[in-house]
N, C-alpha and C. Protein backbone atom coordinates (compact mmCIF):
# COMPACT_ATOMS: atom_id res chain seq x y z
N MET A 1 251.12 89.12 -21.38
CA MET A 1 250.01 88.75 -20.52
C MET A 1 250.42 87.71 -19.47
N ILE A 2 251.41 86.88 -19.78
CA ILE A 2 251.86 85.89 -18.79
C ILE A 2 252.36 86.60 -17.55
N ARG A 3 253.17 87.62 -17.72
CA ARG A 3 253.70 88.35 -16.56
C ARG A 3 252.58 89.06 -15.82
N SER A 4 251.63 89.63 -16.54
CA SER A 4 250.53 90.34 -15.89
C SER A 4 249.71 89.40 -15.02
N PHE A 5 249.37 88.23 -15.55
CA PHE A 5 248.57 87.29 -14.76
C PHE A 5 249.38 86.71 -13.60
N THR A 6 250.68 86.50 -13.80
CA THR A 6 251.51 86.01 -12.70
C THR A 6 251.58 87.04 -11.58
N ARG A 7 251.70 88.30 -11.93
CA ARG A 7 251.76 89.35 -10.91
C ARG A 7 250.41 89.54 -10.23
N LEU A 8 249.34 89.36 -10.99
CA LEU A 8 248.02 89.40 -10.37
C LEU A 8 247.88 88.29 -9.35
N TYR A 9 248.40 87.11 -9.67
CA TYR A 9 248.37 86.02 -8.70
C TYR A 9 249.18 86.38 -7.46
N GLU A 10 250.36 86.98 -7.65
CA GLU A 10 251.17 87.38 -6.51
C GLU A 10 250.42 88.35 -5.61
N ALA A 11 249.68 89.26 -6.23
CA ALA A 11 248.99 90.30 -5.46
C ALA A 11 247.71 89.79 -4.81
N THR A 12 247.04 88.82 -5.44
CA THR A 12 245.72 88.40 -4.96
C THR A 12 245.68 86.96 -4.47
N LEU A 13 246.66 86.13 -4.86
CA LEU A 13 246.67 84.69 -4.59
C LEU A 13 245.45 83.98 -5.17
N ASN A 14 244.87 84.57 -6.21
CA ASN A 14 243.76 83.93 -6.91
C ASN A 14 244.33 82.89 -7.87
N PRO A 15 244.06 81.60 -7.65
CA PRO A 15 244.69 80.57 -8.49
C PRO A 15 244.28 80.63 -9.96
N ALA A 16 243.14 81.26 -10.27
CA ALA A 16 242.72 81.36 -11.66
C ALA A 16 243.72 82.16 -12.49
N PHE A 17 244.32 83.19 -11.90
CA PHE A 17 245.31 83.99 -12.62
C PHE A 17 246.56 83.16 -12.92
N LEU A 18 247.02 82.40 -11.94
CA LEU A 18 248.21 81.56 -12.16
C LEU A 18 247.92 80.48 -13.20
N LYS A 19 246.72 79.91 -13.16
CA LYS A 19 246.35 78.88 -14.14
C LYS A 19 246.40 79.44 -15.55
N SER A 20 245.90 80.67 -15.75
CA SER A 20 245.92 81.29 -17.08
C SER A 20 247.35 81.54 -17.54
N ALA A 21 248.20 82.02 -16.63
CA ALA A 21 249.59 82.29 -16.98
C ALA A 21 250.31 81.00 -17.38
N GLU A 22 250.11 79.95 -16.61
CA GLU A 22 250.79 78.68 -16.91
C GLU A 22 250.27 78.06 -18.19
N LEU A 23 248.97 78.17 -18.45
CA LEU A 23 248.42 77.63 -19.68
C LEU A 23 249.03 78.32 -20.90
N ALA A 24 249.14 79.65 -20.84
CA ALA A 24 249.75 80.38 -21.95
C ALA A 24 251.20 79.98 -22.15
N ALA A 25 251.95 79.88 -21.05
CA ALA A 25 253.37 79.55 -21.15
C ALA A 25 253.58 78.14 -21.70
N THR A 26 252.82 77.18 -21.21
CA THR A 26 253.01 75.80 -21.68
C THR A 26 252.59 75.65 -23.14
N THR A 27 251.56 76.39 -23.55
CA THR A 27 251.16 76.35 -24.96
C THR A 27 252.25 76.90 -25.86
N LEU A 28 252.83 78.04 -25.47
CA LEU A 28 253.91 78.62 -26.26
C LEU A 28 255.13 77.70 -26.31
N LEU A 29 255.45 77.10 -25.17
CA LEU A 29 256.60 76.19 -25.15
C LEU A 29 256.35 74.97 -26.04
N ARG A 30 255.14 74.49 -26.05
CA ARG A 30 254.83 73.32 -26.86
C ARG A 30 254.87 73.64 -28.36
N GLU A 31 254.39 74.82 -28.73
CA GLU A 31 254.23 75.13 -30.16
C GLU A 31 255.41 75.89 -30.77
N ARG A 32 256.18 76.58 -29.95
CA ARG A 32 257.18 77.48 -30.54
C ARG A 32 258.62 77.24 -30.07
N TRP A 33 258.82 76.39 -29.08
CA TRP A 33 260.16 76.20 -28.56
C TRP A 33 261.06 75.53 -29.59
N GLN A 34 262.28 76.07 -29.75
CA GLN A 34 263.27 75.53 -30.67
C GLN A 34 264.32 74.72 -29.89
N ASN A 35 264.75 73.62 -30.47
CA ASN A 35 265.64 72.71 -29.76
C ASN A 35 266.98 73.33 -29.37
N ASP A 36 267.38 74.41 -30.07
CA ASP A 36 268.64 75.06 -29.72
C ASP A 36 268.45 76.21 -28.73
N GLY A 37 267.30 76.26 -28.04
CA GLY A 37 267.17 77.13 -26.87
C GLY A 37 266.60 78.51 -27.10
N TRP A 38 265.56 78.64 -27.91
CA TRP A 38 264.91 79.94 -28.07
C TRP A 38 263.49 79.72 -28.58
N MET A 39 262.71 80.82 -28.63
CA MET A 39 261.31 80.76 -29.01
C MET A 39 261.08 81.43 -30.37
N LEU A 40 260.29 80.78 -31.23
CA LEU A 40 259.82 81.47 -32.42
C LEU A 40 258.92 82.62 -32.00
N HIS A 41 259.08 83.76 -32.67
CA HIS A 41 258.25 84.92 -32.37
C HIS A 41 256.79 84.64 -32.69
N ILE A 42 256.53 83.93 -33.76
CA ILE A 42 255.17 83.59 -34.15
C ILE A 42 255.22 82.28 -34.93
N SER A 43 254.17 81.50 -34.81
CA SER A 43 254.08 80.25 -35.57
C SER A 43 252.65 80.05 -36.04
N GLU A 44 252.50 79.39 -37.15
CA GLU A 44 251.17 79.18 -37.70
C GLU A 44 250.50 77.99 -37.03
N ASN A 45 249.20 78.12 -36.78
CA ASN A 45 248.43 76.99 -36.27
C ASN A 45 247.01 77.07 -36.82
N ASP A 46 246.20 76.06 -36.52
CA ASP A 46 244.85 76.01 -37.07
C ASP A 46 244.00 77.20 -36.63
N HIS A 47 244.20 77.64 -35.39
CA HIS A 47 243.39 78.76 -34.90
C HIS A 47 243.66 80.03 -35.71
N LEU A 48 244.94 80.29 -35.97
CA LEU A 48 245.29 81.50 -36.72
C LEU A 48 244.86 81.40 -38.18
N SER A 49 245.07 80.25 -38.78
CA SER A 49 244.78 80.11 -40.21
C SER A 49 243.29 80.23 -40.50
N LYS A 50 242.44 79.91 -39.52
CA LYS A 50 240.99 79.97 -39.73
C LYS A 50 240.37 81.29 -39.23
N ASP A 51 241.19 82.17 -38.67
CA ASP A 51 240.69 83.43 -38.13
C ASP A 51 240.69 84.49 -39.23
N SER A 52 239.50 84.95 -39.61
CA SER A 52 239.37 85.90 -40.72
C SER A 52 239.96 87.26 -40.40
N ARG A 53 240.20 87.52 -39.13
CA ARG A 53 240.76 88.82 -38.73
C ARG A 53 242.26 88.91 -39.00
N MET A 54 242.90 87.78 -39.21
CA MET A 54 244.35 87.74 -39.35
C MET A 54 244.79 88.01 -40.78
N ARG A 55 245.85 88.78 -40.92
CA ARG A 55 246.49 88.94 -42.23
C ARG A 55 247.29 87.69 -42.56
N ASP A 56 247.74 87.59 -43.80
CA ASP A 56 248.62 86.48 -44.16
C ASP A 56 249.87 86.53 -43.30
N LEU A 57 250.23 85.39 -42.73
CA LEU A 57 251.36 85.33 -41.82
C LEU A 57 252.67 85.14 -42.57
N HIS A 58 253.68 85.86 -42.11
CA HIS A 58 255.04 85.61 -42.58
C HIS A 58 255.81 85.05 -41.40
N ILE A 59 256.15 83.78 -41.45
CA ILE A 59 256.85 83.13 -40.35
C ILE A 59 258.35 83.30 -40.56
N ALA A 60 258.94 84.22 -39.80
CA ALA A 60 260.38 84.46 -39.89
C ALA A 60 261.08 83.60 -38.84
N GLU A 61 261.82 82.61 -39.30
CA GLU A 61 262.48 81.70 -38.38
C GLU A 61 263.88 82.20 -38.05
N ASP A 62 263.94 83.41 -37.54
CA ASP A 62 265.23 83.96 -37.12
C ASP A 62 265.10 84.49 -35.70
N LEU A 63 266.23 84.57 -35.04
CA LEU A 63 266.28 84.94 -33.62
C LEU A 63 266.18 86.45 -33.46
N LYS A 64 265.20 86.90 -32.68
CA LYS A 64 265.04 88.32 -32.36
C LYS A 64 265.21 88.51 -30.86
N LEU A 65 265.85 89.60 -30.48
CA LEU A 65 266.16 89.84 -29.07
C LEU A 65 264.91 90.06 -28.22
N ARG A 66 264.06 90.99 -28.64
CA ARG A 66 262.97 91.44 -27.77
C ARG A 66 262.02 90.30 -27.35
N PRO A 67 261.54 89.45 -28.27
CA PRO A 67 260.64 88.38 -27.83
C PRO A 67 261.30 87.42 -26.84
N GLN A 68 262.61 87.17 -27.02
CA GLN A 68 263.30 86.26 -26.10
C GLN A 68 263.40 86.86 -24.70
N VAL A 69 263.70 88.16 -24.63
CA VAL A 69 263.80 88.82 -23.33
C VAL A 69 262.45 88.82 -22.63
N TYR A 70 261.39 89.17 -23.36
CA TYR A 70 260.06 89.21 -22.75
C TYR A 70 259.64 87.83 -22.24
N PHE A 71 259.86 86.81 -23.07
CA PHE A 71 259.43 85.48 -22.65
C PHE A 71 260.32 84.94 -21.54
N GLY A 72 261.61 85.25 -21.58
CA GLY A 72 262.49 84.84 -20.49
C GLY A 72 262.07 85.44 -19.16
N GLU A 73 261.70 86.72 -19.17
CA GLU A 73 261.22 87.36 -17.95
C GLU A 73 259.92 86.72 -17.46
N ALA A 74 259.03 86.38 -18.39
CA ALA A 74 257.78 85.72 -18.01
C ALA A 74 258.05 84.37 -17.36
N LEU A 75 258.99 83.61 -17.90
CA LEU A 75 259.35 82.32 -17.33
C LEU A 75 259.94 82.48 -15.93
N LEU A 76 260.76 83.50 -15.74
CA LEU A 76 261.34 83.74 -14.41
C LEU A 76 260.26 84.12 -13.41
N ASP A 77 259.29 84.93 -13.82
CA ASP A 77 258.17 85.26 -12.93
C ASP A 77 257.41 84.01 -12.52
N LEU A 78 257.15 83.12 -13.48
CA LEU A 78 256.45 81.89 -13.17
C LEU A 78 257.27 81.01 -12.22
N TYR A 79 258.58 80.96 -12.45
CA TYR A 79 259.43 80.17 -11.55
C TYR A 79 259.38 80.71 -10.13
N LYS A 80 259.37 82.03 -9.99
CA LYS A 80 259.37 82.62 -8.65
C LYS A 80 258.16 82.22 -7.84
N VAL A 81 257.01 82.09 -8.49
CA VAL A 81 255.78 81.79 -7.73
C VAL A 81 255.46 80.30 -7.67
N THR A 82 255.98 79.51 -8.63
CA THR A 82 255.65 78.08 -8.64
C THR A 82 256.80 77.20 -8.20
N ARG A 83 258.03 77.69 -8.32
CA ARG A 83 259.25 76.93 -8.04
C ARG A 83 259.40 75.73 -8.98
N LYS A 84 258.73 75.76 -10.13
CA LYS A 84 258.85 74.67 -11.10
C LYS A 84 260.12 74.87 -11.93
N THR A 85 261.04 73.92 -11.85
CA THR A 85 262.35 74.12 -12.45
C THR A 85 262.31 74.15 -13.98
N GLU A 86 261.23 73.61 -14.58
CA GLU A 86 261.18 73.65 -16.04
C GLU A 86 261.14 75.09 -16.56
N TYR A 87 260.51 76.00 -15.80
CA TYR A 87 260.48 77.40 -16.21
C TYR A 87 261.88 78.03 -16.08
N LEU A 88 262.55 77.75 -14.98
CA LEU A 88 263.90 78.27 -14.79
C LEU A 88 264.85 77.72 -15.85
N ASN A 89 264.74 76.43 -16.15
CA ASN A 89 265.64 75.82 -17.14
C ASN A 89 265.46 76.43 -18.52
N LYS A 90 264.21 76.69 -18.91
CA LYS A 90 263.98 77.30 -20.22
C LYS A 90 264.50 78.74 -20.26
N ALA A 91 264.29 79.49 -19.17
CA ALA A 91 264.82 80.85 -19.12
C ALA A 91 266.34 80.84 -19.22
N ASP A 92 266.97 79.89 -18.55
CA ASP A 92 268.42 79.76 -18.60
C ASP A 92 268.89 79.44 -20.02
N GLN A 93 268.17 78.56 -20.72
CA GLN A 93 268.55 78.23 -22.10
C GLN A 93 268.43 79.44 -23.01
N ILE A 94 267.39 80.24 -22.82
CA ILE A 94 267.24 81.46 -23.62
C ILE A 94 268.42 82.39 -23.38
N ALA A 95 268.80 82.58 -22.10
CA ALA A 95 269.91 83.47 -21.78
C ALA A 95 271.21 82.99 -22.42
N VAL A 96 271.46 81.69 -22.37
CA VAL A 96 272.68 81.14 -22.97
C VAL A 96 272.68 81.36 -24.48
N THR A 97 271.52 81.16 -25.11
CA THR A 97 271.41 81.38 -26.56
C THR A 97 271.68 82.83 -26.92
N LEU A 98 271.12 83.76 -26.14
CA LEU A 98 271.35 85.18 -26.42
C LEU A 98 272.82 85.54 -26.28
N LEU A 99 273.48 84.99 -25.28
CA LEU A 99 274.91 85.26 -25.10
C LEU A 99 275.72 84.73 -26.28
N LYS A 100 275.35 83.57 -26.76
CA LYS A 100 276.11 82.96 -27.86
C LYS A 100 275.86 83.64 -29.20
N ARG A 101 274.61 84.05 -29.44
CA ARG A 101 274.24 84.43 -30.81
C ARG A 101 273.95 85.91 -31.00
N LEU A 102 273.64 86.65 -29.95
CA LEU A 102 273.28 88.06 -30.12
C LEU A 102 274.20 89.03 -29.40
N GLN A 103 275.05 88.56 -28.51
CA GLN A 103 275.90 89.49 -27.77
C GLN A 103 277.00 90.06 -28.66
N ASP A 104 277.23 91.35 -28.51
CA ASP A 104 278.35 92.00 -29.18
C ASP A 104 279.59 91.76 -28.32
N PRO A 105 280.60 91.04 -28.81
CA PRO A 105 281.75 90.70 -27.97
C PRO A 105 282.63 91.90 -27.62
N ASP A 106 282.51 92.98 -28.38
CA ASP A 106 283.36 94.14 -28.12
C ASP A 106 282.71 95.13 -27.18
N LEU A 107 281.43 95.41 -27.39
CA LEU A 107 280.75 96.43 -26.59
C LEU A 107 279.96 95.86 -25.43
N GLY A 108 279.70 94.55 -25.45
CA GLY A 108 278.98 93.94 -24.35
C GLY A 108 277.48 94.08 -24.42
N GLY A 109 276.96 94.75 -25.46
CA GLY A 109 275.52 94.86 -25.63
C GLY A 109 274.98 93.69 -26.42
N PHE A 110 273.76 93.85 -26.93
CA PHE A 110 273.13 92.78 -27.68
C PHE A 110 272.53 93.33 -28.96
N TYR A 111 272.71 92.59 -30.06
CA TYR A 111 272.06 92.95 -31.31
C TYR A 111 270.58 92.62 -31.24
N SER A 112 269.76 93.40 -31.94
CA SER A 112 268.32 93.13 -31.96
C SER A 112 268.00 91.87 -32.77
N SER A 113 268.90 91.49 -33.68
CA SER A 113 268.78 90.23 -34.42
C SER A 113 270.20 89.76 -34.71
N GLU A 114 270.33 88.60 -35.31
CA GLU A 114 271.67 88.06 -35.52
C GLU A 114 272.45 88.90 -36.51
N PRO A 115 273.74 89.15 -36.24
CA PRO A 115 274.56 89.95 -37.16
C PRO A 115 274.57 89.37 -38.57
N ASP A 116 274.36 90.27 -39.55
CA ASP A 116 274.32 89.81 -40.94
C ASP A 116 275.06 90.75 -41.87
N GLY A 117 275.95 91.56 -41.29
CA GLY A 117 276.68 92.53 -42.10
C GLY A 117 276.04 93.90 -42.13
N THR A 118 274.89 94.06 -41.47
CA THR A 118 274.22 95.37 -41.44
C THR A 118 274.14 95.90 -40.01
N GLU A 119 275.14 95.55 -39.19
CA GLU A 119 275.10 95.92 -37.78
C GLU A 119 275.07 97.43 -37.57
N HIS A 120 275.58 98.19 -38.55
CA HIS A 120 275.59 99.65 -38.41
C HIS A 120 274.17 100.21 -38.47
N ILE A 121 273.23 99.45 -39.05
CA ILE A 121 271.83 99.89 -39.12
C ILE A 121 271.11 99.60 -37.81
N SER A 122 271.39 98.44 -37.24
CA SER A 122 270.77 98.06 -35.96
C SER A 122 271.88 97.86 -34.95
N PRO A 123 272.33 98.92 -34.28
CA PRO A 123 273.48 98.82 -33.39
C PRO A 123 273.18 97.98 -32.16
N PRO A 124 274.21 97.52 -31.47
CA PRO A 124 274.01 96.73 -30.26
C PRO A 124 273.17 97.49 -29.25
N ARG A 125 272.30 96.76 -28.58
CA ARG A 125 271.44 97.38 -27.59
C ARG A 125 271.77 96.81 -26.22
N LYS A 126 271.81 97.68 -25.25
CA LYS A 126 272.10 97.25 -23.90
C LYS A 126 270.83 96.64 -23.28
N ALA A 127 270.84 95.32 -23.09
CA ALA A 127 269.67 94.67 -22.53
C ALA A 127 269.90 94.22 -21.09
N VAL A 128 271.13 93.88 -20.75
CA VAL A 128 271.39 93.28 -19.45
C VAL A 128 270.99 94.22 -18.31
N GLU A 129 271.35 95.51 -18.43
CA GLU A 129 271.05 96.44 -17.34
C GLU A 129 269.54 96.57 -17.14
N TRP A 130 268.79 96.58 -18.25
CA TRP A 130 267.34 96.74 -18.16
C TRP A 130 266.72 95.54 -17.46
N ILE A 131 267.21 94.33 -17.76
CA ILE A 131 266.63 93.13 -17.19
C ILE A 131 266.90 93.03 -15.70
N SER A 132 268.12 93.34 -15.28
CA SER A 132 268.53 93.00 -13.92
C SER A 132 268.56 94.17 -12.95
N ALA A 133 268.26 95.39 -13.40
CA ALA A 133 268.42 96.55 -12.54
C ALA A 133 267.42 96.54 -11.38
N ASP A 134 267.87 97.04 -10.24
CA ASP A 134 266.99 97.35 -9.11
C ASP A 134 266.21 96.15 -8.60
N TYR A 135 266.81 94.97 -8.56
CA TYR A 135 266.10 93.84 -7.99
C TYR A 135 265.96 94.02 -6.48
N MET A 136 264.96 93.34 -5.92
CA MET A 136 264.79 93.29 -4.47
C MET A 136 264.62 91.83 -4.09
N GLU A 137 265.55 91.30 -3.32
CA GLU A 137 265.59 89.88 -3.00
C GLU A 137 264.96 89.61 -1.63
N TYR A 138 263.99 88.70 -1.62
CA TYR A 138 263.35 88.26 -0.38
C TYR A 138 263.91 86.86 -0.07
N SER A 139 264.75 86.74 0.94
CA SER A 139 265.38 85.46 1.28
C SER A 139 264.79 84.94 2.58
N ILE A 140 264.12 83.78 2.52
CA ILE A 140 263.59 83.15 3.72
C ILE A 140 264.62 82.11 4.15
N VAL A 141 265.26 82.37 5.28
CA VAL A 141 266.40 81.59 5.72
C VAL A 141 265.94 80.60 6.80
N SER A 142 266.05 79.32 6.48
CA SER A 142 265.60 78.27 7.41
C SER A 142 266.19 76.95 6.98
N ASN A 143 266.48 76.08 7.97
CA ASN A 143 266.95 74.74 7.65
C ASN A 143 265.84 73.84 7.16
N GLU A 144 264.60 74.15 7.55
CA GLU A 144 263.44 73.36 7.16
C GLU A 144 262.32 74.30 6.73
N LYS A 145 261.38 73.77 5.94
CA LYS A 145 260.21 74.56 5.56
C LYS A 145 259.16 74.47 6.67
N THR A 146 259.46 75.14 7.77
CA THR A 146 258.57 75.13 8.92
C THR A 146 257.32 75.96 8.62
N LEU A 147 256.34 75.89 9.53
CA LEU A 147 255.13 76.69 9.36
C LEU A 147 255.48 78.17 9.32
N GLN A 148 256.43 78.60 10.16
CA GLN A 148 256.85 80.01 10.15
C GLN A 148 257.47 80.38 8.81
N ALA A 149 258.30 79.50 8.25
CA ALA A 149 258.91 79.77 6.95
C ALA A 149 257.85 79.87 5.86
N GLN A 150 256.87 78.96 5.89
CA GLN A 150 255.82 78.99 4.88
C GLN A 150 254.96 80.24 5.01
N ASN A 151 254.70 80.67 6.24
CA ASN A 151 253.92 81.91 6.44
C ASN A 151 254.68 83.12 5.91
N LEU A 152 255.99 83.16 6.14
CA LEU A 152 256.80 84.26 5.61
C LEU A 152 256.77 84.26 4.09
N TYR A 153 256.78 83.07 3.49
CA TYR A 153 256.74 82.97 2.02
C TYR A 153 255.41 83.52 1.49
N VAL A 154 254.31 83.10 2.12
CA VAL A 154 252.99 83.57 1.68
C VAL A 154 252.86 85.08 1.84
N GLU A 155 253.33 85.61 2.96
CA GLU A 155 253.24 87.05 3.18
C GLU A 155 254.14 87.81 2.20
N SER A 156 255.27 87.23 1.85
CA SER A 156 256.16 87.86 0.87
C SER A 156 255.53 87.86 -0.51
N LEU A 157 254.80 86.81 -0.84
CA LEU A 157 254.09 86.78 -2.12
C LEU A 157 253.12 87.94 -2.24
N LYS A 158 252.50 88.32 -1.13
CA LYS A 158 251.51 89.39 -1.15
C LYS A 158 252.15 90.76 -1.35
N SER A 159 253.45 90.85 -1.11
CA SER A 159 254.16 92.12 -1.23
C SER A 159 254.46 92.39 -2.70
N TYR A 160 253.78 93.35 -3.27
CA TYR A 160 253.95 93.60 -4.71
C TYR A 160 255.24 94.35 -4.99
N ASN A 161 256.04 93.79 -5.89
CA ASN A 161 257.25 94.46 -6.34
C ASN A 161 257.66 93.81 -7.67
N PRO A 162 257.65 94.56 -8.78
CA PRO A 162 257.97 93.96 -10.08
C PRO A 162 259.35 93.34 -10.15
N ARG A 163 260.29 93.80 -9.31
CA ARG A 163 261.65 93.28 -9.35
C ARG A 163 261.93 92.29 -8.22
N LYS A 164 260.88 91.72 -7.65
CA LYS A 164 261.05 90.82 -6.51
C LYS A 164 261.65 89.49 -6.93
N ILE A 165 262.62 89.01 -6.13
CA ILE A 165 263.16 87.66 -6.26
C ILE A 165 262.92 86.99 -4.91
N LEU A 166 262.04 86.00 -4.87
CA LEU A 166 261.62 85.36 -3.62
C LEU A 166 262.07 83.91 -3.62
N HIS A 167 262.73 83.49 -2.52
CA HIS A 167 263.20 82.12 -2.46
C HIS A 167 263.52 81.72 -1.03
N TYR A 168 263.58 80.40 -0.81
CA TYR A 168 264.10 79.84 0.43
C TYR A 168 265.60 79.63 0.28
N GLU A 169 266.31 79.69 1.41
CA GLU A 169 267.70 79.24 1.41
C GLU A 169 268.10 78.81 2.81
N ARG A 170 269.07 77.92 2.89
CA ARG A 170 269.58 77.46 4.19
C ARG A 170 270.55 78.50 4.76
N PRO A 171 270.75 78.51 6.09
CA PRO A 171 271.73 79.42 6.67
C PRO A 171 273.10 79.21 6.05
N GLY A 172 273.86 80.26 5.99
CA GLY A 172 275.19 80.24 5.38
C GLY A 172 275.53 81.64 4.95
N ARG A 173 274.84 82.12 3.93
CA ARG A 173 275.00 83.53 3.55
C ARG A 173 274.47 84.43 4.66
N TYR A 174 273.39 83.97 5.31
CA TYR A 174 272.83 84.64 6.48
C TYR A 174 272.98 83.69 7.67
N PRO A 175 273.12 84.21 8.90
CA PRO A 175 273.40 83.35 10.06
C PRO A 175 272.19 82.48 10.45
N ASP A 176 272.47 81.38 11.12
CA ASP A 176 271.43 80.50 11.66
C ASP A 176 271.03 81.02 13.03
N LYS A 177 269.81 81.52 13.13
CA LYS A 177 269.33 82.08 14.40
C LYS A 177 268.27 81.19 15.05
N GLY A 178 268.17 79.92 14.59
CA GLY A 178 267.31 78.97 15.25
C GLY A 178 265.84 79.06 14.88
N GLN A 179 265.48 79.93 13.94
CA GLN A 179 264.10 80.03 13.47
C GLN A 179 264.11 80.58 12.05
N ALA A 180 262.99 80.43 11.37
CA ALA A 180 262.87 80.96 10.02
C ALA A 180 262.82 82.48 10.07
N LEU A 181 263.63 83.12 9.23
CA LEU A 181 263.69 84.58 9.19
C LEU A 181 263.71 85.05 7.74
N LEU A 182 263.17 86.23 7.53
CA LEU A 182 263.14 86.84 6.20
C LEU A 182 264.10 88.02 6.16
N TYR A 183 264.92 88.06 5.11
CA TYR A 183 265.78 89.20 4.84
C TYR A 183 265.36 89.80 3.51
N ILE A 184 265.15 91.11 3.48
CA ILE A 184 264.80 91.82 2.25
C ILE A 184 266.00 92.68 1.88
N CYS A 185 266.57 92.43 0.69
CA CYS A 185 267.80 93.11 0.31
C CYS A 185 267.73 93.65 -1.12
N THR A 186 268.38 94.78 -1.32
CA THR A 186 268.67 95.32 -2.65
C THR A 186 270.18 95.16 -2.86
N PRO A 187 270.70 95.54 -4.02
CA PRO A 187 272.16 95.45 -4.17
C PRO A 187 272.94 96.31 -3.17
N ASP A 188 272.26 97.26 -2.52
CA ASP A 188 272.97 98.21 -1.65
C ASP A 188 272.73 98.02 -0.16
N ARG A 189 271.59 97.46 0.23
CA ARG A 189 271.31 97.35 1.66
C ARG A 189 270.31 96.25 1.95
N CYS A 190 270.25 95.87 3.26
CA CYS A 190 269.38 94.78 3.69
C CYS A 190 268.57 95.19 4.91
N SER A 191 267.43 94.56 5.06
CA SER A 191 266.63 94.73 6.28
C SER A 191 267.27 93.92 7.40
N PRO A 192 266.90 94.21 8.65
CA PRO A 192 267.24 93.28 9.73
C PRO A 192 266.44 92.00 9.55
N PRO A 193 266.78 90.92 10.25
CA PRO A 193 266.00 89.69 10.11
C PRO A 193 264.57 89.89 10.60
N LEU A 194 263.61 89.45 9.79
CA LEU A 194 262.19 89.62 10.10
C LEU A 194 261.57 88.26 10.41
N ALA A 195 260.93 88.15 11.59
CA ALA A 195 260.34 86.89 12.01
C ALA A 195 258.86 86.81 11.65
N ASN A 196 258.26 87.94 11.25
CA ASN A 196 256.84 87.95 10.86
C ASN A 196 256.65 89.02 9.80
N ASN A 197 255.41 89.26 9.43
CA ASN A 197 255.15 90.15 8.29
C ASN A 197 254.96 91.61 8.69
N ASP A 198 255.16 91.95 9.96
CA ASP A 198 254.85 93.31 10.43
C ASP A 198 255.60 94.39 9.69
N LYS A 199 256.85 94.11 9.31
CA LYS A 199 257.71 95.16 8.74
C LYS A 199 258.01 94.95 7.25
N ILE A 200 257.38 93.96 6.61
CA ILE A 200 257.70 93.70 5.21
C ILE A 200 257.42 94.92 4.36
N ASP A 201 256.22 95.46 4.44
CA ASP A 201 255.86 96.62 3.60
C ASP A 201 256.72 97.83 3.94
N PHE A 202 257.08 97.98 5.21
CA PHE A 202 257.91 99.11 5.61
C PHE A 202 259.23 99.10 4.87
N TYR A 203 259.93 97.94 4.88
CA TYR A 203 261.25 97.89 4.25
C TYR A 203 261.15 97.89 2.73
N VAL A 204 260.11 97.30 2.18
CA VAL A 204 259.94 97.37 0.73
C VAL A 204 259.79 98.81 0.29
N ASN A 205 258.96 99.57 0.97
CA ASN A 205 258.79 100.98 0.63
C ASN A 205 260.05 101.80 0.92
N GLU A 206 260.76 101.42 1.98
CA GLU A 206 261.99 102.13 2.33
C GLU A 206 263.07 101.94 1.26
N PHE A 207 263.10 100.76 0.65
CA PHE A 207 264.17 100.44 -0.29
C PHE A 207 263.83 100.80 -1.73
N LYS A 208 262.60 101.17 -2.03
CA LYS A 208 262.23 101.49 -3.40
C LYS A 208 262.94 102.76 -3.87
């Protein structure tokens, strides 16, 4: 739901959706975050223990791949729209933990849980390709956050794309042309520099 509300905010700019996403994320981080860089899949609290609809909980304090990937993606979505580094830092810690504890060093995939001698039952799963495939990067290139740069950022937020990576950057990778410009790129190709929002949807649809 965190990703859904974050994407709704991107599409509508309704702050209520972003508030709900951030509330859920901060609550989970407060109640379930582990000091060695991962999230408990479930934890007991007063709300759950008093809810008659709930079965008896079994709290398994072991690392599972799927919840970490889902929550890491949710944190990255929140970082993209808020630029709050705490979300990026937590996502980075999850990634480092998965590399250390769940990656298969021979095949390069990831175990669904920590190896315990039964790896032949739960073989390594390829997660990296699924997470990172087909990204579309929106780079707003400017030395300062001018009004034009901010307008390009807002218009880019309105452009719906589940694999969008939106950020500011200074000239260097892209040339300094004396004004804020937007470049929309996939791993294979890039748009020409865009000074306004007229062609954003055109290139997004062209590159899908």
